Amino acid sequence: MFGYVCVHKPELKIKDYEVYRGVYCSLCKTLGKEYSVFARFILNYDCTFLSLFIMSESDTCAGFKEGRCAFNPLKKCSYAQNAQEALSKGAALTVISSYYKLLDNIADGSFLKKTGFTLLRPFFALMHNKAKKNFPQYETAVKNMFTSQLMCEKDESIFLDKAAEPTAKMLQAVFEIEGENERERKVLSQFGYHLGRWIYLMDAAADIEEDRKKKNFNPFLVKYKNATVIDNDEVDATISQSLFLLTKAYELIDIKRFRDILDNIIYQGLPLKQRKILYPERKS
C-alpha cells in the first residue's frame, strides 16, 4: 500500500479527527499485539482507511477509550473498543501487502538495497505466515496482484488500464468480501476496483521522473515513451476518471457511522493528494 488514502485535516472537525487518530492508533496497537513490535513500523493510512471503512458498515464499535502510546508512554491515545475484526483485517492486509512489496524491492533494487531487503525478509516472513493463515482471502488477492504485476512490467507495450489492473483487482477482492448481499458486493466491488486503480496510477505518476532516471518500469513512461516532458493535464484526466467512478460507487454504499470522516477522505483527501502529486508548485 502507498499511503495516498488519508484525510484532509484542515477541513475535518476536531472530534472527527480524534476518531480518525483513534483508529490509526488502534491499528498500530493491533499490529504490535498480533504480529510484533516491528510491525508497527509498516503502519499506513491506506489500511487505516480499510479498518475505518469496515467499522463504518457495522454498529459493533463501542466508542473509544483513552490509553498510553506503546512508543511514547507520555502520549495519550484513543483506542477503539469492540472493533477487533476490522482492526485485525487492516493489520493483516498491512502485513501481507508489505511482505510482497519487500519481494518486489528485492527483485528490482540495487545490490545494496537487495542485500538489505533480503536480510529483512525472514522477519517479514514470520509475520506474513501468520497473516495469510488468518486471512487467506487477502493472501490470494495480494499474491495474484504481485504475480500479475511482474508479468505486466515485462511487457514493453503494456497500456495503462492493463498495468493498473492487478492493484485494482486486489482491492476489488478485499472490499467485495465485506458485502452482505449481492447488491452490496457489486457496489463494493466497483468501489474497491476504482480505488485500487486510482492508487496505482497515483503511485506511478509520483514516480515518473525517478523511474525515468533509473530506467524503471512506469506505465506513463510506456504510454509517452517518445515524450521528453509528460503533460500532467493528460495524466490528471486519466487518474480523475477513476476518482470519479470510485466516488459514484461510494455514494451507493450504506455507511452507518463515521460518514463525515469518510466523506472527507473521498471528496477532499483524495483530490488534494492528486493535486499535490501532479501540481506540486500550486497552492492547494
C-alpha atoms as a PDB file:
ATOM      1  CA  MET A   1       0.000   0.000   0.000  1.00  0.00           C
ATOM      2  CA  PHE A   2       1.142   3.521  -0.714  1.00  0.00           C
ATOM      3  CA  GLY A   3      -0.313   5.918   1.860  1.00  0.00           C
ATOM      4  CA  TYR A   4      -2.386   8.048  -0.519  1.00  0.00           C
ATOM      5  CA  VAL A   5      -5.771   7.457   1.129  1.00  0.00           C
ATOM      6  CA  CYS A   6      -5.894   9.879   4.030  1.00  0.00           C
ATOM      7  CA  VAL A   7      -7.940  12.715   5.489  1.00  0.00           C
ATOM      8  CA  HIS A   8      -7.692  16.420   4.688  1.00  0.00           C
ATOM      9  CA  LYS A   9      -7.139  17.532   8.272  1.00  0.00           C
ATOM     10  CA  PRO A  10      -7.925  21.292   7.953  1.00  0.00           C
ATOM     11  CA  GLU A  11     -11.489  20.519   6.840  1.00  0.00           C
ATOM     12  CA  LEU A  12     -12.149  17.863   9.495  1.00  0.00           C
ATOM     13  CA  LYS A  13     -13.866  18.620  12.791  1.00  0.00           C
ATOM     14  CA  ILE A  14     -11.674  18.118  15.847  1.00  0.00           C
ATOM     15  CA  LYS A  15     -13.900  15.352  17.209  1.00  0.00           C
ATOM     16  CA  ASP A  16     -13.784  13.523  13.864  1.00  0.00           C
ATOM     17  CA  TYR A  17     -10.018  13.864  13.633  1.00  0.00           C
ATOM     18  CA  GLU A  18      -9.732  12.361  17.119  1.00  0.00           C
ATOM     19  CA  VAL A  19     -11.783   9.371  15.933  1.00  0.00           C
ATOM     20  CA  TYR A  20      -9.567   9.002  12.865  1.00  0.00           C
ATOM     21  CA  ARG A  21      -6.433   9.169  15.012  1.00  0.00           C
ATOM     22  CA  GLY A  22      -8.044   6.660  17.347  1.00  0.00           C
ATOM     23  CA  VAL A  23      -8.463   4.155  14.503  1.00  0.00           C
ATOM     24  CA  TYR A  24      -4.870   4.821  13.395  1.00  0.00           C
ATOM     25  CA  CYS A  25      -3.532   4.238  16.923  1.00  0.00           C
ATOM     26  CA  SER A  26      -5.759   1.180  17.353  1.00  0.00           C
ATOM     27  CA  LEU A  27      -4.389  -0.349  14.162  1.00  0.00           C
ATOM     28  CA  CYS A  28      -0.847   0.377  15.349  1.00  0.00           C
ATOM     29  CA  LYS A  29      -1.622  -1.375  18.638  1.00  0.00           C
ATOM     30  CA  THR A  30      -3.163  -4.341  16.808  1.00  0.00           C
ATOM     31  CA  LEU A  31      -0.100  -4.722  14.568  1.00  0.00           C
ATOM     32  CA  GLY A  32       2.116  -4.850  17.647  1.00  0.00           C
ATOM     33  CA  LYS A  33      -0.144  -7.243  19.521  1.00  0.00           C
ATOM     34  CA  GLU A  34      -0.897  -9.680  16.679  1.00  0.00           C
ATOM     35  CA  TYR A  35       2.425  -9.639  14.827  1.00  0.00           C
ATOM     36  CA  SER A  36       5.316  -7.913  16.597  1.00  0.00           C
ATOM     37  CA  VAL A  37       6.580  -4.540  17.729  1.00  0.00           C
ATOM     38  CA  PHE A  38       8.386  -4.264  14.372  1.00  0.00           C
ATOM     39  CA  ALA A  39       5.058  -4.490  12.534  1.00  0.00           C
ATOM     40  CA  ARG A  40       4.164  -1.072  13.923  1.00  0.00           C
ATOM     41  CA  PHE A  41       6.716   0.461  11.570  1.00  0.00           C
ATOM     42  CA  ILE A  42       4.747  -0.612   8.475  1.00  0.00           C
ATOM     43  CA  LEU A  43       1.527   1.080   9.595  1.00  0.00           C
ATOM     44  CA  ASN A  44      -0.002   3.129   6.760  1.00  0.00           C
ATOM     45  CA  TYR A  45      -3.014   5.324   6.050  1.00  0.00           C
ATOM     46  CA  ASP A  46      -4.440   3.084   3.321  1.00  0.00           C
ATOM     47  CA  CYS A  47      -5.014   0.188   5.716  1.00  0.00           C
ATOM     48  CA  THR A  48      -6.248   2.616   8.378  1.00  0.00           C
ATOM     49  CA  PHE A  49      -8.899   3.566   5.839  1.00  0.00           C
ATOM     50  CA  LEU A  50      -9.799  -0.107   5.362  1.00  0.00           C
ATOM     51  CA  SER A  51     -10.306  -0.614   9.109  1.00  0.00           C
ATOM     52  CA  LEU A  52     -12.314   2.596   9.403  1.00  0.00           C
ATOM     53  CA  PHE A  53     -14.420   1.633   6.396  1.00  0.00           C
ATOM     54  CA  ILE A  54     -15.219  -1.819   7.795  1.00  0.00           C
ATOM     55  CA  MET A  55     -16.128  -0.240  11.137  1.00  0.00           C
ATOM     56  CA  SER A  56     -18.406   2.242   9.346  1.00  0.00           C
ATOM     57  CA  GLU A  57     -20.562  -0.551   7.931  1.00  0.00           C
ATOM     58  CA  SER A  58     -21.460  -2.029  11.314  1.00  0.00           C
ATOM     59  CA  ASP A  59     -22.612  -0.888  14.736  1.00  0.00           C
ATOM     60  CA  THR A  60     -20.169  -3.020  16.685  1.00  0.00           C
ATOM     61  CA  CYS A  61     -17.632  -0.336  17.681  1.00  0.00           C
ATOM     62  CA  ALA A  62     -18.444   0.730  21.240  1.00  0.00           C
ATOM     63  CA  GLY A  63     -16.581   4.022  21.188  1.00  0.00           C
ATOM     64  CA  PHE A  64     -13.006   4.858  22.135  1.00  0.00           C
ATOM     65  CA  LYS A  65     -11.061   4.548  25.361  1.00  0.00           C
ATOM     66  CA  GLU A  66      -8.020   6.580  26.343  1.00  0.00           C
ATOM     67  CA  GLY A  67      -4.722   4.813  26.862  1.00  0.00           C
ATOM     68  CA  ARG A  68      -0.983   5.312  26.578  1.00  0.00           C
ATOM     69  CA  CYS A  69       1.098   5.031  23.423  1.00  0.00           C
ATOM     70  CA  ALA A  70       3.388   1.987  23.437  1.00  0.00           C
ATOM     71  CA  PHE A  71       6.193   4.021  21.841  1.00  0.00           C
ATOM     72  CA  ASN A  72       5.733   7.106  23.990  1.00  0.00           C
ATOM     73  CA  PRO A  73       4.103   6.407  27.381  1.00  0.00           C
ATOM     74  CA  LEU A  74       3.784  10.143  27.993  1.00  0.00           C
ATOM     75  CA  LYS A  75       1.471  10.465  24.999  1.00  0.00           C
ATOM     76  CA  LYS A  76      -2.246   9.763  25.320  1.00  0.00           C
ATOM     77  CA  CYS A  77      -4.017   7.781  22.601  1.00  0.00           C
ATOM     78  CA  SER A  78      -7.580   6.697  21.948  1.00  0.00           C
ATOM     79  CA  TYR A  79      -8.280   3.044  21.216  1.00  0.00           C
ATOM     80  CA  ALA A  80     -11.389   1.624  19.555  1.00  0.00           C
ATOM     81  CA  GLN A  81     -13.493  -0.720  21.653  1.00  0.00           C
ATOM     82  CA  ASN A  82     -15.124  -3.879  20.277  1.00  0.00           C
ATOM     83  CA  ALA A  83     -13.734  -3.332  16.772  1.00  0.00           C
ATOM     84  CA  GLN A  84     -11.184  -6.113  16.672  1.00  0.00           C
ATOM     85  CA  GLU A  85     -12.375  -7.725  13.445  1.00  0.00           C
ATOM     86  CA  ALA A  86     -11.940  -4.512  11.452  1.00  0.00           C
ATOM     87  CA  LEU A  87      -8.555  -3.838  13.052  1.00  0.00           C
ATOM     88  CA  SER A  88      -7.319  -7.398  12.508  1.00  0.00           C
ATOM     89  CA  LYS A  89      -8.274  -7.176   8.836  1.00  0.00           C
ATOM     90  CA  GLY A  90      -6.452  -3.883   8.453  1.00  0.00           C
ATOM     91  CA  ALA A  91      -3.400  -5.300  10.216  1.00  0.00           C
ATOM     92  CA  ALA A  92      -3.375  -8.454   8.077  1.00  0.00           C
ATOM     93  CA  LEU A  93      -3.569  -6.514   4.817  1.00  0.00           C
ATOM     94  CA  THR A  94      -0.779  -4.239   6.056  1.00  0.00           C
ATOM     95  CA  VAL A  95       1.482  -7.213   6.734  1.00  0.00           C
ATOM     96  CA  ILE A  96       0.665  -9.169   3.578  1.00  0.00           C
ATOM     97  CA  SER A  97       0.998  -6.202   1.214  1.00  0.00           C
ATOM     98  CA  SER A  98       4.234  -5.111   2.917  1.00  0.00           C
ATOM     99  CA  TYR A  99       5.692  -8.585   2.500  1.00  0.00           C
ATOM    100  CA  TYR A 100       5.046  -8.624  -1.235  1.00  0.00           C
ATOM    101  CA  LYS A 101       6.327  -5.046  -1.514  1.00  0.00           C
ATOM    102  CA  LEU A 102       9.529  -6.333   0.092  1.00  0.00           C
ATOM    103  CA  LEU A 103       9.767  -9.105  -2.508  1.00  0.00           C
ATOM    104  CA  ASP A 104       9.303  -6.505  -5.234  1.00  0.00           C
ATOM    105  CA  ASN A 105      12.110  -4.393  -3.759  1.00  0.00           C
ATOM    106  CA  ILE A 106      14.391  -7.425  -3.662  1.00  0.00           C
ATOM    107  CA  ALA A 107      13.646  -8.139  -7.317  1.00  0.00           C
ATOM    108  CA  ASP A 108      14.106  -4.573  -8.585  1.00  0.00           C
ATOM    109  CA  GLY A 109      16.500  -2.882  -6.150  1.00  0.00           C
ATOM    110  CA  SER A 110      20.209  -2.139  -6.445  1.00  0.00           C
ATOM    111  CA  PHE A 111      22.732  -4.574  -4.992  1.00  0.00           C
ATOM    112  CA  LEU A 112      22.906  -2.775  -1.643  1.00  0.00           C
ATOM    113  CA  LYS A 113      19.139  -2.458  -1.387  1.00  0.00           C
ATOM    114  CA  LYS A 114      18.637  -6.089  -2.371  1.00  0.00           C
ATOM    115  CA  THR A 115      21.059  -7.127   0.363  1.00  0.00           C
ATOM    116  CA  GLY A 116      19.277  -5.013   2.985  1.00  0.00           C
ATOM    117  CA  PHE A 117      15.799  -6.169   1.993  1.00  0.00           C
ATOM    118  CA  THR A 118      16.937  -9.808   1.843  1.00  0.00           C
ATOM    119  CA  LEU A 119      18.150  -9.537   5.446  1.00  0.00           C
ATOM    120  CA  LEU A 120      14.723  -8.230   6.458  1.00  0.00           C
ATOM    121  CA  ARG A 121      12.828 -10.981   4.680  1.00  0.00           C
ATOM    122  CA  PRO A 122      12.946 -13.614   7.491  1.00  0.00           C
ATOM    123  CA  PHE A 123      11.315 -11.138   9.921  1.00  0.00           C
ATOM    124  CA  PHE A 124       8.606 -10.265   7.413  1.00  0.00           C
ATOM    125  CA  ALA A 125       8.111 -13.934   6.539  1.00  0.00           C
ATOM    126  CA  LEU A 126       7.166 -14.795  10.132  1.00  0.00           C
ATOM    127  CA  MET A 127       4.524 -12.077  10.231  1.00  0.00           C
ATOM    128  CA  HIS A 128       3.360 -12.930   6.727  1.00  0.00           C
ATOM    129  CA  ASN A 129       2.848 -16.612   7.548  1.00  0.00           C
ATOM    130  CA  LYS A 130       0.551 -15.711  10.429  1.00  0.00           C
ATOM    131  CA  ALA A 131      -1.401 -13.121   8.414  1.00  0.00           C
ATOM    132  CA  LYS A 132      -2.001 -15.407   5.429  1.00  0.00           C
ATOM    133  CA  LYS A 133      -3.144 -18.204   7.735  1.00  0.00           C
ATOM    134  CA  ASN A 134      -5.683 -15.926   9.438  1.00  0.00           C
ATOM    135  CA  PHE A 135      -6.855 -14.208   6.245  1.00  0.00           C
ATOM    136  CA  PRO A 136      -6.213 -16.484   3.258  1.00  0.00           C
ATOM    137  CA  GLN A 137      -8.520 -14.393   1.060  1.00  0.00           C
ATOM    138  CA  TYR A 138      -6.204 -11.400   1.477  1.00  0.00           C
ATOM    139  CA  GLU A 139      -3.191 -13.562   0.722  1.00  0.00           C
ATOM    140  CA  THR A 140      -4.771 -14.803  -2.510  1.00  0.00           C
ATOM    141  CA  ALA A 141      -5.706 -11.263  -3.609  1.00  0.00           C
ATOM    142  CA  VAL A 142      -2.277  -9.742  -2.918  1.00  0.00           C
ATOM    143  CA  LYS A 143      -0.303 -12.694  -4.264  1.00  0.00           C
ATOM    144  CA  ASN A 144      -2.288 -12.619  -7.512  1.00  0.00           C
ATOM    145  CA  MET A 145      -1.617  -8.888  -7.753  1.00  0.00           C
ATOM    146  CA  PHE A 146       2.126  -9.399  -7.241  1.00  0.00           C
ATOM    147  CA  THR A 147       2.352 -12.166  -9.852  1.00  0.00           C
ATOM    148  CA  SER A 148       0.296 -10.262 -12.419  1.00  0.00           C
ATOM    149  CA  GLN A 149       2.256  -7.061 -11.828  1.00  0.00           C
ATOM    150  CA  LEU A 150       5.552  -8.784 -12.545  1.00  0.00           C
ATOM    151  CA  MET A 151       4.152 -10.014 -15.854  1.00  0.00           C
ATOM    152  CA  CYS A 152       2.887  -6.532 -16.744  1.00  0.00           C
ATOM    153  CA  GLU A 153       6.280  -4.979 -16.120  1.00  0.00           C
ATOM    154  CA  LYS A 154       7.885  -7.346 -18.605  1.00  0.00           C
ATOM    155  CA  ASP A 155       5.513  -6.250 -21.357  1.00  0.00           C
ATOM    156  CA  GLU A 156       7.111  -3.338 -23.221  1.00  0.00           C
ATOM    157  CA  SER A 157       3.832  -2.482 -24.948  1.00  0.00           C
ATOM    158  CA  ILE A 158       1.626  -2.552 -21.854  1.00  0.00           C
ATOM    159  CA  PHE A 159      -1.153   0.069 -21.719  1.00  0.00           C
ATOM    160  CA  LEU A 160      -2.308   1.971 -18.653  1.00  0.00           C
ATOM    161  CA  ASP A 161      -5.519   0.068 -17.904  1.00  0.00           C
ATOM    162  CA  LYS A 162      -3.751  -3.280 -18.130  1.00  0.00           C
ATOM    163  CA  ALA A 163      -0.902  -2.111 -15.895  1.00  0.00           C
ATOM    164  CA  ALA A 164      -3.339  -0.847 -13.246  1.00  0.00           C
ATOM    165  CA  GLU A 165      -5.488  -3.981 -13.368  1.00  0.00           C
ATOM    166  CA  PRO A 166      -3.606  -6.090 -10.753  1.00  0.00           C
ATOM    167  CA  THR A 167      -3.877  -3.466  -7.993  1.00  0.00           C
ATOM    168  CA  ALA A 168      -7.459  -2.684  -8.993  1.00  0.00           C
ATOM    169  CA  LYS A 169      -8.477  -6.342  -8.792  1.00  0.00           C
ATOM    170  CA  MET A 170      -6.675  -6.791  -5.473  1.00  0.00           C
ATOM    171  CA  LEU A 171      -8.668  -4.062  -3.726  1.00  0.00           C
ATOM    172  CA  GLN A 172     -11.780  -5.171  -5.582  1.00  0.00           C
ATOM    173  CA  ALA A 173     -11.471  -8.561  -3.879  1.00  0.00           C
ATOM    174  CA  VAL A 174     -10.677  -7.015  -0.478  1.00  0.00           C
ATOM    175  CA  PHE A 175     -13.745  -4.743  -0.433  1.00  0.00           C
ATOM    176  CA  GLU A 176     -16.101  -7.221  -2.080  1.00  0.00           C
ATOM    177  CA  ILE A 177     -15.640  -9.543   0.917  1.00  0.00           C
ATOM    178  CA  GLU A 178     -17.452  -7.010   3.110  1.00  0.00           C
ATOM    179  CA  GLY A 179     -20.711  -7.212   1.161  1.00  0.00           C
ATOM    180  CA  GLU A 180     -23.580  -8.985   2.933  1.00  0.00           C
ATOM    181  CA  ASN A 181     -25.686  -9.486  -0.178  1.00  0.00           C
ATOM    182  CA  GLU A 182     -25.325  -9.432  -3.952  1.00  0.00           C
ATOM    183  CA  ARG A 183     -26.105  -5.737  -4.311  1.00  0.00           C
ATOM    184  CA  GLU A 184     -23.582  -4.721  -1.640  1.00  0.00           C
ATOM    185  CA  ARG A 185     -20.901  -6.962  -3.133  1.00  0.00           C
ATOM    186  CA  LYS A 186     -21.399  -5.389  -6.576  1.00  0.00           C
ATOM    187  CA  VAL A 187     -21.142  -1.838  -5.230  1.00  0.00           C
ATOM    188  CA  LEU A 188     -18.141  -2.599  -3.016  1.00  0.00           C
ATOM    189  CA  SER A 189     -16.522  -4.461  -5.900  1.00  0.00           C
ATOM    190  CA  GLN A 190     -16.711  -1.341  -8.085  1.00  0.00           C
ATOM    191  CA  PHE A 191     -15.548   0.912  -5.267  1.00  0.00           C
ATOM    192  CA  GLY A 192     -12.533  -1.293  -4.497  1.00  0.00           C
ATOM    193  CA  TYR A 193     -11.632  -1.697  -8.165  1.00  0.00           C
ATOM    194  CA  HIS A 194     -11.533   2.011  -8.947  1.00  0.00           C
ATOM    195  CA  LEU A 195      -9.853   2.865  -5.646  1.00  0.00           C
ATOM    196  CA  GLY A 196      -7.133   0.331  -6.489  1.00  0.00           C
ATOM    197  CA  ARG A 197      -6.746   1.757  -9.992  1.00  0.00           C
ATOM    198  CA  TRP A 198      -6.528   5.283  -8.569  1.00  0.00           C
ATOM    199  CA  ILE A 199      -3.859   4.273  -6.032  1.00  0.00           C
ATOM    200  CA  TYR A 200      -1.753   2.500  -8.657  1.00  0.00           C
ATOM    201  CA  LEU A 201      -1.886   5.383 -11.141  1.00  0.00           C
ATOM    202  CA  MET A 202      -1.161   7.901  -8.388  1.00  0.00           C
ATOM    203  CA  ASP A 203       1.934   5.981  -7.364  1.00  0.00           C
ATOM    204  CA  ALA A 204       3.055   5.711 -10.979  1.00  0.00           C
ATOM    205  CA  ALA A 205       2.524   9.450 -11.516  1.00  0.00           C
ATOM    206  CA  ALA A 206       4.528  10.285  -8.387  1.00  0.00           C
ATOM    207  CA  ASP A 207       7.473   8.195  -9.630  1.00  0.00           C
ATOM    208  CA  ILE A 208       7.609   9.304 -13.280  1.00  0.00           C
ATOM    209  CA  GLU A 209      10.828  11.319 -13.111  1.00  0.00           C
ATOM    210  CA  GLU A 210      12.594   8.966 -10.723  1.00  0.00           C
ATOM    211  CA  ASP A 211      11.684   5.967 -12.879  1.00  0.00           C
ATOM    212  CA  ARG A 212      12.846   7.816 -15.987  1.00  0.00           C
ATOM    213  CA  LYS A 213      16.270   8.437 -14.426  1.00  0.00           C
ATOM    214  CA  LYS A 214      16.635   4.893 -13.121  1.00  0.00           C
ATOM    215  CA  LYS A 215      15.072   3.355 -16.236  1.00  0.00           C
ATOM    216  CA  ASN A 216      12.495   1.545 -14.137  1.00  0.00           C
ATOM    217  CA  PHE A 217       9.121   0.413 -15.415  1.00  0.00           C
ATOM    218  CA  ASN A 218       6.405   3.049 -15.305  1.00  0.00           C
ATOM    219  CA  PRO A 219       3.158   2.791 -17.298  1.00  0.00           C
ATOM    220  CA  PHE A 220       3.134   6.519 -18.066  1.00  0.00           C
ATOM    221  CA  LEU A 221       6.656   6.288 -19.492  1.00  0.00           C
ATOM    222  CA  VAL A 222       5.470   3.407 -21.660  1.00  0.00           C
ATOM    223  CA  LYS A 223       2.489   5.408 -22.902  1.00  0.00           C
ATOM    224  CA  TYR A 224       4.515   8.556 -23.568  1.00  0.00           C
ATOM    225  CA  LYS A 225       7.801   6.860 -24.440  1.00  0.00           C
ATOM    226  CA  ASN A 226       8.796   9.402 -27.088  1.00  0.00           C
ATOM    227  CA  ALA A 227       7.985  12.454 -24.988  1.00  0.00           C
ATOM    228  CA  THR A 228      10.711  14.320 -23.114  1.00  0.00           C
ATOM    229  CA  VAL A 229       8.060  16.042 -20.993  1.00  0.00           C
ATOM    230  CA  ILE A 230       4.801  14.372 -19.978  1.00  0.00           C
ATOM    231  CA  ASP A 231       1.666  16.516 -19.959  1.00  0.00           C
ATOM    232  CA  ASN A 232       0.405  16.472 -16.375  1.00  0.00           C
ATOM    233  CA  ASP A 233      -3.056  17.545 -17.527  1.00  0.00           C
ATOM    234  CA  GLU A 234      -3.397  14.320 -19.507  1.00  0.00           C
ATOM    235  CA  VAL A 235      -2.187  12.285 -16.540  1.00  0.00           C
ATOM    236  CA  ASP A 236      -4.622  14.162 -14.298  1.00  0.00           C
ATOM    237  CA  ALA A 237      -7.526  13.393 -16.651  1.00  0.00           C
ATOM    238  CA  THR A 238      -6.647   9.687 -16.659  1.00  0.00           C
ATOM    239  CA  ILE A 239      -6.464   9.440 -12.870  1.00  0.00           C
ATOM    240  CA  SER A 240      -9.575  11.603 -12.402  1.00  0.00           C
ATOM    241  CA  GLN A 241     -11.606   9.027 -14.309  1.00  0.00           C
ATOM    242  CA  SER A 242     -11.040   6.506 -11.532  1.00  0.00           C
ATOM    243  CA  LEU A 243     -11.607   9.148  -8.861  1.00  0.00           C
ATOM    244  CA  PHE A 244     -14.995   9.954 -10.408  1.00  0.00           C
ATOM    245  CA  LEU A 245     -16.045   6.294 -10.653  1.00  0.00           C
ATOM    246  CA  LEU A 246     -14.972   5.363  -7.123  1.00  0.00           C
ATOM    247  CA  THR A 247     -16.865   8.407  -5.843  1.00  0.00           C
ATOM    248  CA  LYS A 248     -20.031   7.312  -7.637  1.00  0.00           C
ATOM    249  CA  ALA A 249     -19.726   3.807  -6.182  1.00  0.00           C
ATOM    250  CA  TYR A 250     -19.078   5.236  -2.705  1.00  0.00           C
ATOM    251  CA  GLU A 251     -22.344   7.180  -2.866  1.00  0.00           C
ATOM    252  CA  LEU A 252     -24.253   3.895  -3.165  1.00  0.00           C
ATOM    253  CA  ILE A 253     -22.686   2.364  -0.035  1.00  0.00           C
ATOM    254  CA  ASP A 254     -24.727   2.165   3.170  1.00  0.00           C
ATOM    255  CA  ILE A 255     -22.493   3.997   5.652  1.00  0.00           C
ATOM    256  CA  LYS A 256     -23.787   3.549   9.187  1.00  0.00           C
ATOM    257  CA  ARG A 257     -21.234   5.685  11.051  1.00  0.00           C
ATOM    258  CA  PHE A 258     -18.142   7.872  10.573  1.00  0.00           C
ATOM    259  CA  ARG A 259     -19.631   9.316   7.357  1.00  0.00           C
ATOM    260  CA  ASP A 260     -18.125  12.767   7.947  1.00  0.00           C
ATOM    261  CA  ILE A 261     -14.637  11.253   8.106  1.00  0.00           C
ATOM    262  CA  LEU A 262     -15.132   9.036   5.072  1.00  0.00           C
ATOM    263  CA  ASP A 263     -16.662  11.917   3.100  1.00  0.00           C
ATOM    264  CA  ASN A 264     -13.626  14.000   3.983  1.00  0.00           C
ATOM    265  CA  ILE A 265     -11.288  11.316   2.664  1.00  0.00           C
ATOM    266  CA  ILE A 266     -13.202  10.633  -0.561  1.00  0.00           C
ATOM    267  CA  TYR A 267     -14.227  14.172  -1.518  1.00  0.00           C
ATOM    268  CA  GLN A 268     -11.288  16.161  -0.134  1.00  0.00           C
ATOM    269  CA  GLY A 269      -8.363  13.954   0.854  1.00  0.00           C
ATOM    270  CA  LEU A 270      -8.055  12.039  -2.426  1.00  0.00           C
ATOM    271  CA  PRO A 271      -8.438  15.052  -4.785  1.00  0.00           C
ATOM    272  CA  LEU A 272      -5.994  17.089  -2.702  1.00  0.00           C
ATOM    273  CA  LYS A 273      -3.410  14.313  -2.753  1.00  0.00           C
ATOM    274  CA  GLN A 274      -3.841  14.064  -6.526  1.00  0.00           C
ATOM    275  CA  ARG A 275      -3.257  17.804  -6.963  1.00  0.00           C
ATOM    276  CA  LYS A 276      -0.182  17.748  -4.730  1.00  0.00           C
ATOM    277  CA  ILE A 277       1.387  14.934  -6.720  1.00  0.00           C
ATOM    278  CA  LEU A 278       0.634  16.312 -10.177  1.00  0.00           C
ATOM    279  CA  TYR A 279       0.903  20.045  -9.479  1.00  0.00           C
ATOM    280  CA  PRO A 280       3.298  20.476  -6.531  1.00  0.00           C
ATOM    281  CA  GLU A 281       4.014  24.071  -7.491  1.00  0.00           C
ATOM    282  CA  ARG A 282       0.386  25.098  -6.994  1.00  0.00           C
ATOM    283  CA  LYS A 283      -1.013  26.162  -3.642  1.00  0.00           C
ATOM    284  CA  SER A 284      -3.924  23.986  -2.534  1.00  0.00           C
END
